[in-house]
Each structure stands twice: as structure tokens, then as C-alpha cells.
Amino acid sequence: MSGNQLMSLMKRGMAVTLGICALMLSAVAHSGRGWTEFVTVIELIPTGRHYYEVQLSEKRNPSGCSEKGWYYLNYEAAGADKMFDLFVDNIKSNLRLKVYVTGICNLKGYAEISAVSVSPN
């Protein structure tokens, strides 16, 4: 086998390996989406990054992200300020709420939130 053929074979092998890794990573980064059960807020953290961090009493969520009780909300998401206010209200008055997760997990394993629903009970 010539040097060029060996190099070509190695490049193909690397491309296949990279493709498999990309598929595996995309499966982890995009999991399930849907609503959690009604829960309460345990902790709300406005960060210096581009998102809020929220810990909810829910220990399982539809996202399949690795951190089951942790979620994040992008500051620039439509309605993010209103959802933040609902989290604060939940802390003040112990309202029950549920969140809709998009199925996207950040690098910390937190599920992305795109909506919040409130219940008085």
C-alpha cells in the first residue's frame, strides 16, 4: 500500500469517527421536550452569563438532561422577563408552576426552558 493510499484510508477513518461522535453528541444535546409536573422553585440564580439558572423541586423532567432538577432560561428569549417574574412570585407566595423544556441541554446539563405555567393550588 502506497503512502497516499494509507493517508486516504486514515482520513476516511477519521471522518467516520468524527461523524459518529457528532451524532452521539447531538443526541445528548437534543433530548425530549415537554411539560414538567407542577413544582416549586428551590433556587433562582441570575448569572453574569446569558441565562438564569433555576432549581425546581422536580427531580425528573422530559428533557433527559443530566441535571434533573436544574433548568436555564436565556435572558434574550421571548418573554424571559415575565417568566423570571413568575419564578420570583413562586418563591414569594409558594405558587405551583410547571415549565416547558425544549429538549436542549446546556454544557452544565441543565434543561432549557421556553414557557412557564402557574397554578394557585
N, C-alpha and C. Protein backbone atom coordinates (compact mmCIF):
# COMPACT_ATOMS: atom_id res chain seq x y z
N MET A 1 0.85 -1.17 0.00
CA MET A 1 0.00 0.00 0.00
C MET A 1 0.90 1.23 0.00
N SER A 2 0.63 2.16 -0.91
CA SER A 2 1.46 3.36 -1.00
C SER A 2 1.11 4.34 0.13
N GLY A 3 1.98 5.30 0.31
CA GLY A 3 1.78 6.31 1.34
C GLY A 3 0.51 7.12 1.12
N ASN A 4 0.18 7.44 -0.15
CA ASN A 4 -1.03 8.21 -0.46
C ASN A 4 -2.29 7.42 -0.15
N GLN A 5 -2.27 6.11 -0.48
CA GLN A 5 -3.44 5.28 -0.19
C GLN A 5 -3.65 5.14 1.31
N LEU A 6 -2.56 4.98 2.05
CA LEU A 6 -2.65 4.86 3.50
C LEU A 6 -3.19 6.15 4.12
N MET A 7 -2.72 7.27 3.61
CA MET A 7 -3.18 8.56 4.11
C MET A 7 -4.67 8.75 3.82
N SER A 8 -5.11 8.36 2.63
CA SER A 8 -6.51 8.47 2.25
C SER A 8 -7.38 7.59 3.14
N LEU A 9 -6.92 6.39 3.43
CA LEU A 9 -7.65 5.46 4.29
C LEU A 9 -7.75 6.02 5.72
N MET A 10 -6.69 6.61 6.21
CA MET A 10 -6.69 7.19 7.55
C MET A 10 -7.66 8.37 7.63
N LYS A 11 -7.69 9.20 6.57
CA LYS A 11 -8.60 10.34 6.55
C LYS A 11 -10.05 9.88 6.57
N ARG A 12 -10.36 8.82 5.81
CA ARG A 12 -11.73 8.29 5.81
C ARG A 12 -12.11 7.76 7.18
N GLY A 13 -11.20 7.06 7.81
CA GLY A 13 -11.44 6.52 9.15
C GLY A 13 -11.70 7.62 10.16
N MET A 14 -10.93 8.70 10.07
CA MET A 14 -11.12 9.84 10.98
C MET A 14 -12.46 10.51 10.71
N ALA A 15 -12.84 10.63 9.46
CA ALA A 15 -14.12 11.26 9.11
C ALA A 15 -15.29 10.45 9.65
N VAL A 16 -15.22 9.13 9.53
CA VAL A 16 -16.28 8.26 10.06
C VAL A 16 -16.35 8.39 11.58
N THR A 17 -15.20 8.37 12.23
CA THR A 17 -15.16 8.51 13.70
C THR A 17 -15.74 9.84 14.13
N LEU A 18 -15.36 10.93 13.48
CA LEU A 18 -15.90 12.24 13.81
C LEU A 18 -17.41 12.31 13.57
N GLY A 19 -17.87 11.68 12.52
CA GLY A 19 -19.31 11.65 12.23
C GLY A 19 -20.09 10.93 13.32
N ILE A 20 -19.57 9.81 13.77
CA ILE A 20 -20.22 9.06 14.84
C ILE A 20 -20.24 9.88 16.12
N CYS A 21 -19.13 10.53 16.45
CA CYS A 21 -19.07 11.37 17.65
C CYS A 21 -20.08 12.51 17.56
N ALA A 22 -20.19 13.13 16.40
CA ALA A 22 -21.14 14.23 16.22
C ALA A 22 -22.57 13.76 16.43
N LEU A 23 -22.90 12.59 15.90
CA LEU A 23 -24.25 12.04 16.11
C LEU A 23 -24.52 11.76 17.57
N MET A 24 -23.55 11.22 18.27
CA MET A 24 -23.73 10.92 19.69
C MET A 24 -23.90 12.21 20.49
N LEU A 25 -23.11 13.23 20.21
CA LEU A 25 -23.22 14.49 20.93
C LEU A 25 -24.53 15.19 20.64
N SER A 26 -25.02 15.13 19.41
CA SER A 26 -26.28 15.79 19.09
C SER A 26 -27.44 15.09 19.79
N ALA A 27 -27.34 13.80 19.98
CA ALA A 27 -28.39 13.07 20.70
C ALA A 27 -28.42 13.49 22.16
N VAL A 28 -27.27 13.79 22.74
CA VAL A 28 -27.21 14.22 24.13
C VAL A 28 -27.70 15.66 24.25
N ALA A 29 -27.32 16.53 23.32
CA ALA A 29 -27.66 17.94 23.40
C ALA A 29 -29.13 18.19 23.09
N HIS A 30 -29.78 17.34 22.33
CA HIS A 30 -31.19 17.49 21.98
C HIS A 30 -31.94 16.25 22.43
N SER A 31 -32.57 16.34 23.57
CA SER A 31 -33.30 15.20 24.11
C SER A 31 -34.79 15.44 23.96
N GLY A 32 -35.58 15.01 24.94
CA GLY A 32 -37.03 15.17 24.88
C GLY A 32 -37.50 16.56 25.25
N ARG A 33 -38.70 16.89 24.84
CA ARG A 33 -39.30 18.18 25.19
C ARG A 33 -40.68 17.94 25.77
N GLY A 34 -41.17 18.92 26.52
CA GLY A 34 -42.50 18.79 27.10
C GLY A 34 -42.58 19.50 28.44
N TRP A 35 -43.74 19.34 29.10
CA TRP A 35 -44.01 20.00 30.38
C TRP A 35 -43.57 19.13 31.55
N THR A 36 -43.06 19.77 32.59
CA THR A 36 -42.80 19.08 33.85
C THR A 36 -44.13 18.98 34.60
N GLU A 37 -44.10 18.33 35.75
CA GLU A 37 -45.23 18.36 36.68
C GLU A 37 -45.24 19.73 37.36
N PHE A 38 -46.32 20.05 38.09
CA PHE A 38 -46.33 21.29 38.87
C PHE A 38 -45.34 21.15 40.02
N VAL A 39 -44.49 22.16 40.19
CA VAL A 39 -43.39 22.13 41.15
C VAL A 39 -43.24 23.49 41.82
N THR A 40 -42.28 23.59 42.73
CA THR A 40 -41.93 24.87 43.34
C THR A 40 -40.47 25.19 43.03
N VAL A 41 -40.13 26.47 43.13
CA VAL A 41 -38.76 26.92 42.88
C VAL A 41 -37.95 26.74 44.17
N ILE A 42 -36.82 26.07 44.05
CA ILE A 42 -35.90 25.92 45.18
C ILE A 42 -34.87 27.04 45.18
N GLU A 43 -34.36 27.36 43.99
CA GLU A 43 -33.33 28.39 43.88
C GLU A 43 -33.42 29.06 42.51
N LEU A 44 -33.21 30.38 42.49
CA LEU A 44 -33.22 31.17 41.25
C LEU A 44 -31.95 32.00 41.23
N ILE A 45 -31.14 31.83 40.17
CA ILE A 45 -29.84 32.48 40.11
C ILE A 45 -29.71 33.30 38.82
N PRO A 46 -29.81 34.64 38.90
CA PRO A 46 -29.43 35.46 37.75
C PRO A 46 -27.91 35.41 37.62
N THR A 47 -27.40 35.09 36.47
CA THR A 47 -25.95 34.93 36.29
C THR A 47 -25.36 36.04 35.45
N GLY A 48 -24.05 36.11 35.43
CA GLY A 48 -23.33 37.04 34.57
C GLY A 48 -23.20 36.51 33.15
N ARG A 49 -23.68 35.29 32.95
CA ARG A 49 -23.69 34.71 31.61
C ARG A 49 -24.97 35.15 30.92
N HIS A 50 -25.42 34.48 29.92
CA HIS A 50 -26.59 34.89 29.14
C HIS A 50 -27.89 34.23 29.59
N TYR A 51 -27.90 33.66 30.81
CA TYR A 51 -29.11 32.95 31.24
C TYR A 51 -29.29 32.96 32.75
N TYR A 52 -30.55 32.73 33.17
CA TYR A 52 -30.89 32.47 34.57
C TYR A 52 -30.72 30.98 34.81
N GLU A 53 -30.35 30.61 36.02
CA GLU A 53 -30.35 29.21 36.43
C GLU A 53 -31.48 29.03 37.43
N VAL A 54 -32.24 27.95 37.30
CA VAL A 54 -33.39 27.71 38.17
C VAL A 54 -33.34 26.27 38.65
N GLN A 55 -33.42 26.10 39.97
CA GLN A 55 -33.54 24.75 40.52
C GLN A 55 -35.00 24.56 40.96
N LEU A 56 -35.62 23.51 40.45
CA LEU A 56 -37.02 23.21 40.77
C LEU A 56 -37.08 21.93 41.60
N SER A 57 -38.21 21.75 42.29
CA SER A 57 -38.37 20.56 43.13
C SER A 57 -38.53 19.29 42.31
N GLU A 58 -38.75 19.42 41.01
CA GLU A 58 -38.87 18.28 40.09
C GLU A 58 -37.52 17.58 39.95
N LYS A 59 -37.47 16.29 40.17
CA LYS A 59 -36.22 15.54 40.04
C LYS A 59 -36.15 14.75 38.74
N ARG A 60 -37.19 14.82 37.96
CA ARG A 60 -37.15 14.21 36.63
C ARG A 60 -37.84 15.21 35.70
N ASN A 61 -37.40 15.26 34.49
CA ASN A 61 -38.05 16.15 33.53
C ASN A 61 -37.98 15.53 32.15
N PRO A 62 -38.84 15.99 31.25
CA PRO A 62 -38.91 15.37 29.92
C PRO A 62 -37.64 15.53 29.08
N SER A 63 -36.76 16.46 29.45
CA SER A 63 -35.60 16.75 28.62
C SER A 63 -34.60 15.61 28.55
N GLY A 64 -34.46 14.87 29.63
CA GLY A 64 -33.44 13.84 29.67
C GLY A 64 -32.05 14.40 29.93
N CYS A 65 -31.95 15.69 30.27
CA CYS A 65 -30.65 16.29 30.58
C CYS A 65 -30.09 15.68 31.86
N SER A 66 -28.79 15.76 32.04
CA SER A 66 -28.14 15.07 33.15
C SER A 66 -28.47 15.65 34.52
N GLU A 67 -28.72 16.96 34.62
CA GLU A 67 -29.06 17.59 35.90
C GLU A 67 -30.57 17.67 36.01
N LYS A 68 -31.19 16.72 36.66
CA LYS A 68 -32.65 16.56 36.65
C LYS A 68 -33.41 17.72 37.26
N GLY A 69 -32.89 18.37 38.29
CA GLY A 69 -33.63 19.44 38.95
C GLY A 69 -33.25 20.84 38.50
N TRP A 70 -32.29 20.96 37.57
CA TRP A 70 -31.79 22.26 37.16
C TRP A 70 -32.21 22.61 35.74
N TYR A 71 -32.52 23.90 35.55
CA TYR A 71 -33.01 24.41 34.27
C TYR A 71 -32.33 25.75 34.01
N TYR A 72 -32.41 26.20 32.77
CA TYR A 72 -31.91 27.55 32.46
C TYR A 72 -32.87 28.24 31.51
N LEU A 73 -32.84 29.57 31.60
CA LEU A 73 -33.68 30.43 30.76
C LEU A 73 -32.82 31.53 30.19
N ASN A 74 -32.70 31.55 28.87
CA ASN A 74 -31.89 32.55 28.17
C ASN A 74 -32.47 33.94 28.39
N TYR A 75 -31.65 34.92 28.77
CA TYR A 75 -32.11 36.29 29.00
C TYR A 75 -32.82 36.87 27.77
N GLU A 76 -32.37 36.49 26.58
CA GLU A 76 -32.90 37.08 25.36
C GLU A 76 -34.11 36.34 24.78
N ALA A 77 -34.55 35.28 25.45
CA ALA A 77 -35.71 34.54 24.97
C ALA A 77 -36.96 35.41 25.09
N ALA A 78 -37.88 35.25 24.14
CA ALA A 78 -39.14 35.99 24.18
C ALA A 78 -39.86 35.68 25.49
N GLY A 79 -40.22 36.71 26.24
CA GLY A 79 -40.95 36.54 27.49
C GLY A 79 -40.08 36.16 28.68
N ALA A 80 -38.76 36.19 28.54
CA ALA A 80 -37.87 35.77 29.63
C ALA A 80 -38.09 36.61 30.89
N ASP A 81 -38.32 37.91 30.72
CA ASP A 81 -38.53 38.77 31.89
C ASP A 81 -39.82 38.40 32.63
N LYS A 82 -40.85 38.05 31.89
CA LYS A 82 -42.12 37.65 32.51
C LYS A 82 -42.00 36.30 33.20
N MET A 83 -41.27 35.37 32.58
CA MET A 83 -41.06 34.07 33.21
C MET A 83 -40.23 34.23 34.49
N PHE A 84 -39.23 35.12 34.45
CA PHE A 84 -38.43 35.39 35.65
C PHE A 84 -39.34 35.90 36.77
N ASP A 85 -40.24 36.83 36.43
CA ASP A 85 -41.18 37.36 37.43
C ASP A 85 -42.05 36.26 38.03
N LEU A 86 -42.47 35.29 37.21
CA LEU A 86 -43.26 34.16 37.73
C LEU A 86 -42.43 33.32 38.70
N PHE A 87 -41.15 33.14 38.41
CA PHE A 87 -40.29 32.40 39.34
C PHE A 87 -40.19 33.14 40.68
N VAL A 88 -40.01 34.46 40.62
CA VAL A 88 -39.92 35.26 41.84
C VAL A 88 -41.25 35.18 42.61
N ASP A 89 -42.38 35.30 41.90
CA ASP A 89 -43.69 35.18 42.55
C ASP A 89 -43.84 33.82 43.21
N ASN A 90 -43.35 32.79 42.55
CA ASN A 90 -43.42 31.43 43.11
C ASN A 90 -42.67 31.37 44.43
N ILE A 91 -41.52 31.99 44.49
CA ILE A 91 -40.72 31.99 45.72
C ILE A 91 -41.46 32.76 46.83
N LYS A 92 -42.06 33.90 46.48
CA LYS A 92 -42.73 34.74 47.48
C LYS A 92 -44.01 34.10 48.01
N SER A 93 -44.81 33.50 47.15
CA SER A 93 -46.14 33.05 47.56
C SER A 93 -46.35 31.54 47.46
N ASN A 94 -45.29 30.82 47.14
CA ASN A 94 -45.36 29.36 47.05
C ASN A 94 -46.41 28.87 46.05
N LEU A 95 -46.57 29.60 44.95
CA LEU A 95 -47.41 29.12 43.87
C LEU A 95 -46.78 27.87 43.27
N ARG A 96 -47.60 27.05 42.67
CA ARG A 96 -47.05 25.89 41.95
C ARG A 96 -46.94 26.27 40.48
N LEU A 97 -45.88 25.84 39.84
CA LEU A 97 -45.70 26.13 38.42
C LEU A 97 -45.14 24.92 37.72
N LYS A 98 -45.26 24.93 36.42
CA LYS A 98 -44.60 23.92 35.61
C LYS A 98 -43.90 24.64 34.48
N VAL A 99 -42.86 24.01 33.96
CA VAL A 99 -42.09 24.63 32.88
C VAL A 99 -42.10 23.72 31.66
N TYR A 100 -42.00 24.35 30.50
CA TYR A 100 -41.88 23.61 29.25
C TYR A 100 -40.41 23.60 28.88
N VAL A 101 -39.85 22.42 28.68
CA VAL A 101 -38.46 22.29 28.29
C VAL A 101 -38.37 21.98 26.80
N THR A 102 -37.36 22.56 26.16
CA THR A 102 -37.22 22.48 24.71
C THR A 102 -36.54 21.19 24.25
N GLY A 103 -35.89 20.50 25.17
CA GLY A 103 -35.11 19.32 24.78
C GLY A 103 -33.65 19.65 24.56
N ILE A 104 -33.27 20.92 24.75
CA ILE A 104 -31.87 21.33 24.60
C ILE A 104 -31.24 21.38 25.98
N CYS A 105 -30.06 20.80 26.10
CA CYS A 105 -29.31 20.79 27.36
C CYS A 105 -28.07 21.66 27.19
N ASN A 106 -27.76 22.48 28.21
CA ASN A 106 -26.52 23.26 28.10
C ASN A 106 -25.35 22.40 28.57
N LEU A 107 -24.14 22.97 28.57
CA LEU A 107 -22.95 22.20 28.91
C LEU A 107 -22.95 21.73 30.36
N LYS A 108 -23.71 22.42 31.23
CA LYS A 108 -23.79 22.00 32.63
C LYS A 108 -24.82 20.88 32.82
N GLY A 109 -25.56 20.55 31.75
CA GLY A 109 -26.58 19.50 31.85
C GLY A 109 -27.93 20.02 32.28
N TYR A 110 -28.13 21.36 32.22
CA TYR A 110 -29.40 21.97 32.59
C TYR A 110 -30.32 22.00 31.36
N ALA A 111 -31.62 21.82 31.59
CA ALA A 111 -32.61 21.83 30.50
C ALA A 111 -33.04 23.26 30.20
N GLU A 112 -33.16 23.58 28.93
CA GLU A 112 -33.62 24.91 28.51
C GLU A 112 -35.13 25.04 28.68
N ILE A 113 -35.57 26.17 29.23
CA ILE A 113 -36.99 26.47 29.45
C ILE A 113 -37.47 27.42 28.35
N SER A 114 -38.70 27.18 27.84
CA SER A 114 -39.26 28.13 26.88
C SER A 114 -40.64 28.64 27.30
N ALA A 115 -41.22 28.09 28.38
CA ALA A 115 -42.53 28.58 28.84
C ALA A 115 -42.73 28.19 30.31
N VAL A 116 -43.56 28.97 31.00
CA VAL A 116 -43.90 28.70 32.39
C VAL A 116 -45.40 28.81 32.56
N SER A 117 -45.99 27.88 33.31
CA SER A 117 -47.43 27.89 33.60
C SER A 117 -47.60 27.90 35.12
N VAL A 118 -48.58 28.66 35.62
CA VAL A 118 -48.77 28.82 37.06
C VAL A 118 -50.11 28.25 37.49
N SER A 119 -50.13 27.65 38.69
CA SER A 119 -51.38 27.14 39.27
C SER A 119 -51.46 27.65 40.71
N PRO A 120 -52.65 28.12 41.15
CA PRO A 120 -52.78 28.63 42.51
C PRO A 120 -52.80 27.50 43.57
N ASN A 121 -52.99 26.28 43.17
CA ASN A 121 -53.08 25.18 44.14
C ASN A 121 -51.76 24.48 44.29
